Amino acid sequence: MVVINEDITFPSSSQRQLKGVLARPEGDGPFPGLVVIHEIFGLTENIKRCAQRFAEAGYAALAVDLFAGRNTTVCMFRTLSGLLFNSLNHEGIHDLKATLDFLT
């Protein structure tokens, strides 16, 4: 299967631009979609390859860089503290919602 990989940027609700890689099968679609979330090292080549493998299986896979333009340690602290205190109202969650909106 032929896969198309695109470097993309799209707006987040936090008034900044998110970056990512959209991997999808060739053609018009529609395709089932999913968001590929990176680990602590950010949007690495390995995460991009994960998106590529999903696209080879017929999915539109968007690997987003949730750390883009921010301090990684601060991002991890805010996300983990938000989970600890059961809060879904923090930038990480807003960025993921923006990613889903863009993929849709």
N, C-alpha and C. Protein backbone atom coordinates (compact mmCIF):
# COMPACT_ATOMS: atom_id res chain seq x y z
N MET A 1 0.84 -1.18 0.00
CA MET A 1 0.00 0.00 0.00
C MET A 1 0.89 1.25 0.00
N VAL A 2 0.52 2.22 -0.81
CA VAL A 2 1.26 3.48 -0.87
C VAL A 2 0.79 4.38 0.27
N VAL A 3 1.75 4.94 1.01
CA VAL A 3 1.45 5.79 2.15
C VAL A 3 1.96 7.20 1.87
N ILE A 4 1.15 8.18 2.22
CA ILE A 4 1.54 9.59 2.09
C ILE A 4 1.83 10.12 3.49
N ASN A 5 3.03 10.70 3.66
CA ASN A 5 3.43 11.33 4.93
C ASN A 5 3.51 12.83 4.72
N GLU A 6 2.87 13.58 5.59
CA GLU A 6 2.89 15.04 5.50
C GLU A 6 3.27 15.65 6.84
N ASP A 7 4.23 16.58 6.82
CA ASP A 7 4.49 17.40 8.00
C ASP A 7 3.42 18.47 8.03
N ILE A 8 2.75 18.61 9.16
CA ILE A 8 1.63 19.54 9.25
C ILE A 8 1.76 20.43 10.48
N THR A 9 1.07 21.55 10.45
CA THR A 9 0.87 22.40 11.62
C THR A 9 -0.61 22.75 11.66
N PHE A 10 -1.12 22.89 12.86
CA PHE A 10 -2.52 23.26 13.03
C PHE A 10 -2.68 23.95 14.37
N PRO A 11 -3.72 24.77 14.51
CA PRO A 11 -3.87 25.56 15.74
C PRO A 11 -4.40 24.73 16.91
N SER A 12 -3.92 25.08 18.09
CA SER A 12 -4.45 24.52 19.33
C SER A 12 -5.33 25.57 19.98
N SER A 13 -6.15 25.15 20.90
CA SER A 13 -7.00 26.11 21.60
C SER A 13 -6.18 26.99 22.54
N SER A 14 -4.93 26.63 22.78
CA SER A 14 -4.07 27.43 23.66
C SER A 14 -3.34 28.52 22.89
N GLN A 15 -3.82 28.87 21.71
CA GLN A 15 -3.29 29.95 20.89
C GLN A 15 -1.86 29.71 20.41
N ARG A 16 -1.49 28.47 20.20
CA ARG A 16 -0.18 28.16 19.62
C ARG A 16 -0.38 27.14 18.52
N GLN A 17 0.64 26.96 17.73
CA GLN A 17 0.58 26.01 16.63
C GLN A 17 1.16 24.67 17.08
N LEU A 18 0.46 23.61 16.81
CA LEU A 18 0.96 22.26 17.06
C LEU A 18 1.56 21.72 15.77
N LYS A 19 2.58 20.89 15.90
CA LYS A 19 3.22 20.27 14.75
C LYS A 19 3.00 18.77 14.84
N GLY A 20 3.02 18.15 13.69
CA GLY A 20 2.87 16.71 13.67
C GLY A 20 3.14 16.14 12.30
N VAL A 21 2.96 14.84 12.20
CA VAL A 21 3.10 14.12 10.95
C VAL A 21 1.80 13.36 10.71
N LEU A 22 1.21 13.58 9.56
CA LEU A 22 0.01 12.85 9.16
C LEU A 22 0.41 11.80 8.15
N ALA A 23 0.19 10.55 8.50
CA ALA A 23 0.46 9.43 7.59
C ALA A 23 -0.89 8.83 7.22
N ARG A 24 -1.10 8.65 5.91
CA ARG A 24 -2.39 8.11 5.46
C ARG A 24 -2.19 7.33 4.18
N PRO A 25 -3.12 6.42 3.91
CA PRO A 25 -3.04 5.70 2.64
C PRO A 25 -3.30 6.65 1.47
N GLU A 26 -2.79 6.31 0.33
CA GLU A 26 -3.06 7.09 -0.87
C GLU A 26 -4.53 6.97 -1.23
N GLY A 27 -5.12 8.03 -1.71
CA GLY A 27 -6.52 8.01 -2.12
C GLY A 27 -7.33 9.03 -1.36
N ASP A 28 -8.61 9.08 -1.72
CA ASP A 28 -9.49 10.10 -1.16
C ASP A 28 -10.08 9.74 0.20
N GLY A 29 -10.11 8.48 0.55
CA GLY A 29 -10.71 8.11 1.83
C GLY A 29 -12.22 8.08 1.72
N PRO A 30 -12.93 8.14 2.77
CA PRO A 30 -12.47 8.40 4.13
C PRO A 30 -11.74 7.19 4.71
N PHE A 31 -10.85 7.48 5.66
CA PHE A 31 -10.10 6.44 6.35
C PHE A 31 -10.43 6.50 7.84
N PRO A 32 -10.42 5.35 8.52
CA PRO A 32 -10.51 5.43 9.98
C PRO A 32 -9.27 6.15 10.48
N GLY A 33 -9.41 6.91 11.54
CA GLY A 33 -8.28 7.71 12.00
C GLY A 33 -7.93 7.45 13.45
N LEU A 34 -6.67 7.76 13.78
CA LEU A 34 -6.22 7.66 15.15
C LEU A 34 -5.09 8.65 15.41
N VAL A 35 -4.94 9.00 16.67
CA VAL A 35 -3.87 9.90 17.09
C VAL A 35 -2.79 9.05 17.74
N VAL A 36 -1.55 9.27 17.30
CA VAL A 36 -0.40 8.57 17.87
C VAL A 36 0.24 9.52 18.88
N ILE A 37 0.24 9.13 20.15
CA ILE A 37 0.77 9.97 21.22
C ILE A 37 2.17 9.49 21.57
N HIS A 38 3.09 10.43 21.60
CA HIS A 38 4.49 10.08 21.87
C HIS A 38 4.73 9.87 23.35
N GLU A 39 5.91 9.29 23.64
CA GLU A 39 6.33 9.12 25.02
C GLU A 39 7.16 10.32 25.44
N ILE A 40 7.92 10.19 26.49
CA ILE A 40 8.65 11.31 27.08
C ILE A 40 9.68 11.94 26.14
N PHE A 41 10.08 11.25 25.10
CA PHE A 41 11.11 11.77 24.20
C PHE A 41 10.54 12.63 23.07
N GLY A 42 9.24 12.79 23.02
CA GLY A 42 8.64 13.65 22.00
C GLY A 42 8.41 12.94 20.68
N LEU A 43 8.25 13.73 19.64
CA LEU A 43 7.95 13.20 18.30
C LEU A 43 9.25 12.75 17.64
N THR A 44 9.62 11.53 17.91
CA THR A 44 10.87 10.96 17.40
C THR A 44 10.61 10.22 16.09
N GLU A 45 11.68 9.78 15.46
CA GLU A 45 11.55 8.99 14.23
C GLU A 45 10.79 7.69 14.50
N ASN A 46 10.94 7.12 15.67
CA ASN A 46 10.21 5.90 16.02
C ASN A 46 8.70 6.15 16.04
N ILE A 47 8.28 7.26 16.60
CA ILE A 47 6.84 7.59 16.65
C ILE A 47 6.32 7.83 15.23
N LYS A 48 7.12 8.49 14.41
CA LYS A 48 6.72 8.70 13.02
C LYS A 48 6.58 7.37 12.28
N ARG A 49 7.46 6.41 12.58
CA ARG A 49 7.35 5.08 11.96
C ARG A 49 6.09 4.35 12.44
N CYS A 50 5.71 4.57 13.70
CA CYS A 50 4.46 3.98 14.21
C CYS A 50 3.27 4.49 13.40
N ALA A 51 3.24 5.80 13.15
CA ALA A 51 2.17 6.38 12.34
C ALA A 51 2.18 5.78 10.94
N GLN A 52 3.36 5.61 10.38
CA GLN A 52 3.50 5.02 9.04
C GLN A 52 2.93 3.60 9.01
N ARG A 53 3.22 2.82 10.03
CA ARG A 53 2.70 1.43 10.07
C ARG A 53 1.18 1.40 10.15
N PHE A 54 0.60 2.34 10.93
CA PHE A 54 -0.86 2.40 10.97
C PHE A 54 -1.42 2.76 9.60
N ALA A 55 -0.76 3.68 8.91
CA ALA A 55 -1.21 4.07 7.57
C ALA A 55 -1.11 2.89 6.60
N GLU A 56 -0.08 2.09 6.73
CA GLU A 56 0.05 0.90 5.89
C GLU A 56 -1.08 -0.09 6.13
N ALA A 57 -1.68 -0.03 7.32
CA ALA A 57 -2.82 -0.89 7.65
C ALA A 57 -4.16 -0.26 7.29
N GLY A 58 -4.12 0.96 6.67
CA GLY A 58 -5.36 1.58 6.20
C GLY A 58 -5.90 2.72 7.02
N TYR A 59 -5.16 3.17 8.01
CA TYR A 59 -5.60 4.26 8.88
C TYR A 59 -4.97 5.59 8.48
N ALA A 60 -5.66 6.66 8.81
CA ALA A 60 -5.05 8.00 8.81
C ALA A 60 -4.52 8.19 10.23
N ALA A 61 -3.21 8.29 10.38
CA ALA A 61 -2.59 8.36 11.70
C ALA A 61 -1.89 9.70 11.86
N LEU A 62 -2.27 10.43 12.87
CA LEU A 62 -1.68 11.74 13.15
C LEU A 62 -0.82 11.64 14.40
N ALA A 63 0.49 11.77 14.20
CA ALA A 63 1.44 11.79 15.32
C ALA A 63 1.71 13.25 15.63
N VAL A 64 1.30 13.69 16.80
CA VAL A 64 1.40 15.10 17.18
C VAL A 64 2.54 15.29 18.17
N ASP A 65 3.21 16.44 18.07
CA ASP A 65 4.28 16.79 19.00
C ASP A 65 3.68 17.66 20.11
N LEU A 66 3.36 17.04 21.23
CA LEU A 66 2.73 17.77 22.33
C LEU A 66 3.72 18.64 23.09
N PHE A 67 5.02 18.47 22.84
CA PHE A 67 6.04 19.26 23.51
C PHE A 67 6.52 20.44 22.66
N ALA A 68 6.04 20.59 21.46
CA ALA A 68 6.56 21.60 20.53
C ALA A 68 6.55 22.99 21.15
N GLY A 69 7.72 23.61 21.18
CA GLY A 69 7.83 24.97 21.67
C GLY A 69 7.71 25.12 23.17
N ARG A 70 7.77 24.02 23.89
CA ARG A 70 7.63 24.09 25.35
C ARG A 70 8.73 23.29 26.02
N ASN A 71 8.90 23.52 27.30
CA ASN A 71 9.86 22.79 28.10
C ASN A 71 9.28 21.41 28.42
N THR A 72 10.00 20.36 28.06
CA THR A 72 9.51 18.98 28.24
C THR A 72 9.23 18.67 29.70
N THR A 73 10.10 19.07 30.59
CA THR A 73 9.93 18.77 32.01
C THR A 73 8.67 19.43 32.56
N VAL A 74 8.46 20.68 32.19
CA VAL A 74 7.26 21.40 32.65
C VAL A 74 6.00 20.74 32.11
N CYS A 75 6.03 20.34 30.83
CA CYS A 75 4.87 19.67 30.22
C CYS A 75 4.54 18.38 30.96
N MET A 76 5.56 17.58 31.23
CA MET A 76 5.32 16.31 31.93
C MET A 76 4.77 16.56 33.33
N PHE A 77 5.32 17.54 34.04
CA PHE A 77 4.85 17.86 35.38
C PHE A 77 3.38 18.27 35.36
N ARG A 78 3.03 19.16 34.44
CA ARG A 78 1.64 19.64 34.36
C ARG A 78 0.68 18.50 34.01
N THR A 79 1.08 17.65 33.08
CA THR A 79 0.21 16.54 32.69
C THR A 79 0.02 15.57 33.84
N LEU A 80 1.11 15.18 34.49
CA LEU A 80 1.01 14.22 35.58
C LEU A 80 0.27 14.80 36.79
N SER A 81 0.50 16.07 37.09
CA SER A 81 -0.23 16.67 38.21
C SER A 81 -1.71 16.79 37.87
N GLY A 82 -2.04 17.06 36.61
CA GLY A 82 -3.44 17.10 36.20
C GLY A 82 -4.11 15.75 36.37
N LEU A 83 -3.39 14.69 36.01
CA LEU A 83 -3.93 13.34 36.19
C LEU A 83 -4.07 13.00 37.67
N LEU A 84 -3.08 13.41 38.45
CA LEU A 84 -3.10 13.13 39.89
C LEU A 84 -4.30 13.78 40.57
N PHE A 85 -4.61 15.00 40.16
CA PHE A 85 -5.72 15.73 40.77
C PHE A 85 -7.01 15.60 39.98
N ASN A 86 -7.02 14.65 39.04
CA ASN A 86 -8.22 14.31 38.29
C ASN A 86 -8.75 15.48 37.46
N SER A 87 -7.86 16.32 36.97
CA SER A 87 -8.26 17.48 36.19
C SER A 87 -8.09 17.20 34.70
N LEU A 88 -9.12 17.44 33.95
CA LEU A 88 -9.04 17.32 32.50
C LEU A 88 -8.99 18.69 31.84
N ASN A 89 -8.74 19.71 32.65
CA ASN A 89 -8.70 21.06 32.13
C ASN A 89 -7.27 21.61 32.17
N HIS A 90 -6.41 21.03 31.31
CA HIS A 90 -5.05 21.54 31.21
C HIS A 90 -4.62 21.49 29.75
N GLU A 91 -3.51 22.16 29.43
CA GLU A 91 -3.08 22.33 28.04
C GLU A 91 -2.92 21.03 27.28
N GLY A 92 -2.39 20.01 27.93
CA GLY A 92 -2.19 18.73 27.25
C GLY A 92 -3.50 18.16 26.72
N ILE A 93 -4.52 18.20 27.52
CA ILE A 93 -5.84 17.70 27.10
C ILE A 93 -6.42 18.58 26.00
N HIS A 94 -6.26 19.90 26.13
CA HIS A 94 -6.75 20.81 25.09
C HIS A 94 -6.02 20.57 23.77
N ASP A 95 -4.71 20.31 23.85
CA ASP A 95 -3.95 20.02 22.63
C ASP A 95 -4.41 18.71 21.98
N LEU A 96 -4.70 17.71 22.79
CA LEU A 96 -5.21 16.45 22.23
C LEU A 96 -6.58 16.63 21.59
N LYS A 97 -7.43 17.43 22.19
CA LYS A 97 -8.74 17.72 21.60
C LYS A 97 -8.58 18.44 20.25
N ALA A 98 -7.64 19.40 20.20
CA ALA A 98 -7.38 20.11 18.94
C ALA A 98 -6.85 19.14 17.88
N THR A 99 -6.05 18.18 18.30
CA THR A 99 -5.52 17.18 17.38
C THR A 99 -6.65 16.31 16.82
N LEU A 100 -7.55 15.90 17.67
CA LEU A 100 -8.71 15.11 17.20
C LEU A 100 -9.57 15.91 16.25
N ASP A 101 -9.79 17.18 16.57
CA ASP A 101 -10.58 18.04 15.70
C ASP A 101 -9.93 18.16 14.33
N PHE A 102 -8.61 18.36 14.30
CA PHE A 102 -7.90 18.49 13.03
C PHE A 102 -8.00 17.18 12.24
N LEU A 103 -7.83 16.06 12.90
CA LEU A 103 -7.87 14.76 12.22
C LEU A 103 -9.26 14.50 11.64
N THR A 104 -10.28 14.93 12.36
CA THR A 104 -11.65 14.74 11.87
C THR A 104 -11.89 15.51 10.61
